[in-house]
Amino acid sequence: MTPLILIGLGANLDSAFGEPRETLSAALAALAREGVATLARSGWYRSAPVPPSSQPWFINAVASVTARADAHELLAVMQNIEVRFGRVRGEPNAPRPIDLDLLDYCGERFTSSDLTLPHPRLHLRRFVLTPLAEVAPHWRHPISNRTARQLLAELGDNQPVERLPF
């Protein structure tokens, strides 16, 4: 099986590019201009904020990509795009016009001050696992060796996630 690079996309505020789906689609195009090609993208999902709050619900997706960049270089490209698209890092879990997360990079297991692979909370987030299971049904978590569907089954139903019709 070909190693996967998986990126999580999310937003719950409008940006200069439009509503969250338009922003996230524009981000994928910006990634492509930086040499990060999208192989597949899940559908769009609407999800409640985690942890629960009164902020707007998020739009989420997961993309499988290819890149010549290593994991650190790819993270830098993603964070640069976030800044160009209006992301201001401040309070954790705050509303945002864009959030790009490096979920998995070819199964690597790695921890540094700026990057942990696989993403340290992906196995706890229905809004990540649901679209991940759609775009990469055979993917296995590099540490637990569980599929996204197995991890979803272990989560229960406490995180509302709904697939959008288009």
Protein backbone atom coordinates (compact mmCIF):
# COMPACT_ATOMS: atom_id res chain seq x y z
CA MET A 1 0.00 0.00 0.00
CA THR A 2 1.29 3.48 -0.89
CA PRO A 3 2.21 5.60 2.15
CA LEU A 4 -0.27 8.39 2.72
CA ILE A 5 0.10 12.02 3.62
CA LEU A 6 -3.16 13.15 5.22
CA ILE A 7 -4.21 16.72 5.90
CA GLY A 8 -7.20 17.80 7.98
CA LEU A 9 -9.03 20.94 6.85
CA GLY A 10 -11.39 22.97 9.00
CA ALA A 11 -12.94 26.41 9.38
CA ASN A 12 -15.85 28.00 11.20
CA LEU A 13 -15.52 31.64 10.14
CA ASP A 14 -15.82 33.31 6.75
CA SER A 15 -12.63 34.68 5.20
CA ALA A 16 -11.64 36.93 2.32
CA PHE A 17 -12.14 33.81 0.16
CA GLY A 18 -15.78 33.37 1.22
CA GLU A 19 -17.57 30.91 3.44
CA PRO A 20 -15.58 28.03 4.98
CA ARG A 21 -15.96 25.57 2.07
CA GLU A 22 -14.76 28.22 -0.39
CA THR A 23 -11.85 29.08 1.90
CA LEU A 24 -10.81 25.45 2.30
CA SER A 25 -11.10 24.81 -1.45
CA ALA A 26 -8.91 27.87 -2.06
CA ALA A 27 -6.42 26.50 0.49
CA LEU A 28 -6.17 23.23 -1.45
CA ALA A 29 -5.47 25.26 -4.60
CA ALA A 30 -2.80 27.25 -2.72
CA LEU A 31 -1.23 24.00 -1.55
CA ALA A 32 -1.17 22.78 -5.17
CA ARG A 33 0.71 25.95 -6.19
CA GLU A 34 3.27 25.02 -3.51
CA GLY A 35 3.76 21.52 -4.95
CA VAL A 36 1.28 19.72 -2.69
CA ALA A 37 -1.10 17.84 -4.99
CA THR A 38 -4.46 16.58 -3.75
CA LEU A 39 -5.01 12.91 -4.60
CA ALA A 40 -8.43 12.66 -2.95
CA ARG A 41 -10.66 14.79 -0.73
CA SER A 42 -13.51 13.62 1.45
CA GLY A 43 -16.90 15.23 1.33
CA TRP A 44 -17.58 18.26 3.48
CA TYR A 45 -18.73 17.66 7.04
CA ARG A 46 -20.36 19.98 9.53
CA SER A 47 -19.27 19.42 13.11
CA ALA A 48 -19.80 20.85 16.55
CA PRO A 49 -16.82 22.62 18.14
CA VAL A 50 -14.55 20.47 20.30
CA PRO A 51 -14.53 21.14 23.18
CA PRO A 52 -18.24 22.14 23.15
CA SER A 53 -18.81 25.90 23.01
CA SER A 54 -21.22 28.50 21.63
CA GLN A 55 -18.99 29.30 18.63
CA PRO A 56 -20.17 28.45 15.10
CA TRP A 57 -19.99 24.85 13.92
CA PHE A 58 -17.03 23.86 11.74
CA ILE A 59 -16.79 22.69 8.16
CA ASN A 60 -14.24 19.86 7.92
CA ALA A 61 -12.69 17.54 5.36
CA VAL A 62 -9.62 15.35 4.99
CA ALA A 63 -7.37 15.28 1.93
CA SER A 64 -4.81 12.73 0.84
CA VAL A 65 -1.91 14.53 -0.81
CA THR A 66 1.52 14.05 -2.35
CA ALA A 67 4.43 16.38 -1.66
CA ARG A 68 8.15 16.52 -2.27
CA ALA A 69 8.54 18.33 1.03
CA ASP A 70 9.39 16.45 4.19
CA ALA A 71 6.96 16.64 7.11
CA HIS A 72 8.50 19.78 8.66
CA GLU A 73 8.64 21.58 5.30
CA LEU A 74 5.03 20.61 4.58
CA LEU A 75 3.92 21.89 7.98
CA ALA A 76 5.68 25.21 7.26
CA VAL A 77 3.89 25.49 3.90
CA MET A 78 0.54 24.76 5.57
CA GLN A 79 1.12 27.30 8.35
CA ASN A 80 2.19 29.93 5.81
CA ILE A 81 -1.08 29.38 3.91
CA GLU A 82 -3.04 29.66 7.17
CA VAL A 83 -1.45 33.06 7.84
CA ARG A 84 -2.12 34.25 4.26
CA PHE A 85 -5.75 33.16 4.67
CA GLY A 86 -6.24 35.12 7.89
CA ARG A 87 -5.46 32.66 10.66
CA VAL A 88 -4.30 34.35 13.84
CA ARG A 89 -3.03 31.99 16.50
CA GLY A 90 -4.07 32.97 19.98
CA GLU A 91 -6.46 31.29 22.35
CA PRO A 92 -6.61 27.50 21.84
CA ASN A 93 -9.82 26.21 20.20
CA ALA A 94 -10.87 29.73 19.15
CA PRO A 95 -13.04 30.27 16.07
CA ARG A 96 -10.94 30.53 12.91
CA PRO A 97 -11.21 31.09 9.16
CA ILE A 98 -8.86 28.18 8.43
CA ASP A 99 -7.16 25.29 10.17
CA LEU A 100 -4.82 22.93 8.33
CA ASP A 101 -3.51 19.96 10.31
CA LEU A 102 -0.89 17.46 9.24
CA LEU A 103 -2.60 14.27 10.41
CA ASP A 104 -0.21 11.62 9.13
CA TYR A 105 2.92 11.71 7.02
CA CYS A 106 3.59 8.28 5.51
CA GLY A 107 3.06 6.56 8.84
CA GLU A 108 5.94 8.41 10.51
CA ARG A 109 6.06 8.54 14.29
CA PHE A 110 7.76 11.70 15.40
CA THR A 111 7.64 14.32 18.17
CA SER A 112 9.39 17.69 18.21
CA SER A 113 8.59 21.12 19.62
CA ASP A 114 6.54 22.05 16.54
CA LEU A 115 5.28 18.74 15.14
CA THR A 116 3.89 15.46 16.44
CA LEU A 117 3.09 12.63 14.03
CA PRO A 118 0.61 11.19 13.83
CA HIS A 119 -1.48 14.16 14.96
CA PRO A 120 -1.76 13.62 18.72
CA ARG A 121 -5.56 14.00 18.94
CA LEU A 122 -6.80 12.64 15.63
CA HIS A 123 -7.94 9.36 17.22
CA LEU A 124 -10.18 11.35 19.60
CA ARG A 125 -11.96 13.48 17.01
CA ARG A 126 -15.01 12.29 15.10
CA PHE A 127 -14.75 15.35 12.79
CA VAL A 128 -11.36 14.01 11.64
CA LEU A 129 -12.02 10.27 11.67
CA THR A 130 -15.30 10.41 9.74
CA PRO A 131 -13.87 12.13 6.63
CA LEU A 132 -10.58 10.23 7.04
CA ALA A 133 -12.47 6.92 6.82
CA GLU A 134 -14.08 8.17 3.61
CA VAL A 135 -10.91 9.32 1.86
CA ALA A 136 -8.56 6.59 3.12
CA PRO A 137 -10.62 3.55 4.22
CA HIS A 138 -7.55 1.29 4.54
CA TRP A 139 -5.48 3.76 6.58
CA ARG A 140 -4.26 2.51 9.95
CA HIS A 141 -3.18 4.66 12.86
CA PRO A 142 0.63 4.41 13.02
CA ILE A 143 0.63 3.77 16.77
CA SER A 144 -2.54 1.78 17.54
CA ASN A 145 -2.73 0.06 14.12
CA ARG A 146 -6.53 0.62 14.20
CA THR A 147 -8.44 1.81 11.15
CA ALA A 148 -10.40 5.04 11.21
CA ARG A 149 -13.63 3.00 11.37
CA GLN A 150 -12.37 1.07 14.40
CA LEU A 151 -11.34 4.30 16.12
CA LEU A 152 -14.76 5.81 15.32
CA ALA A 153 -16.52 2.83 16.89
CA GLU A 154 -14.51 3.35 20.07
CA LEU A 155 -15.48 7.04 20.28
CA GLY A 156 -19.21 6.69 20.71
CA ASP A 157 -21.70 9.33 19.56
CA ASN A 158 -20.83 12.32 21.73
CA GLN A 159 -19.41 14.50 18.90
CA PRO A 160 -22.05 15.55 16.35
CA VAL A 161 -20.81 15.31 12.75
CA GLU A 162 -23.02 15.43 9.64
CA ARG A 163 -22.07 15.05 5.99
CA LEU A 164 -23.15 17.99 3.86
CA PRO A 165 -25.05 17.21 0.65
CA PHE A 166 -22.55 18.80 -1.74
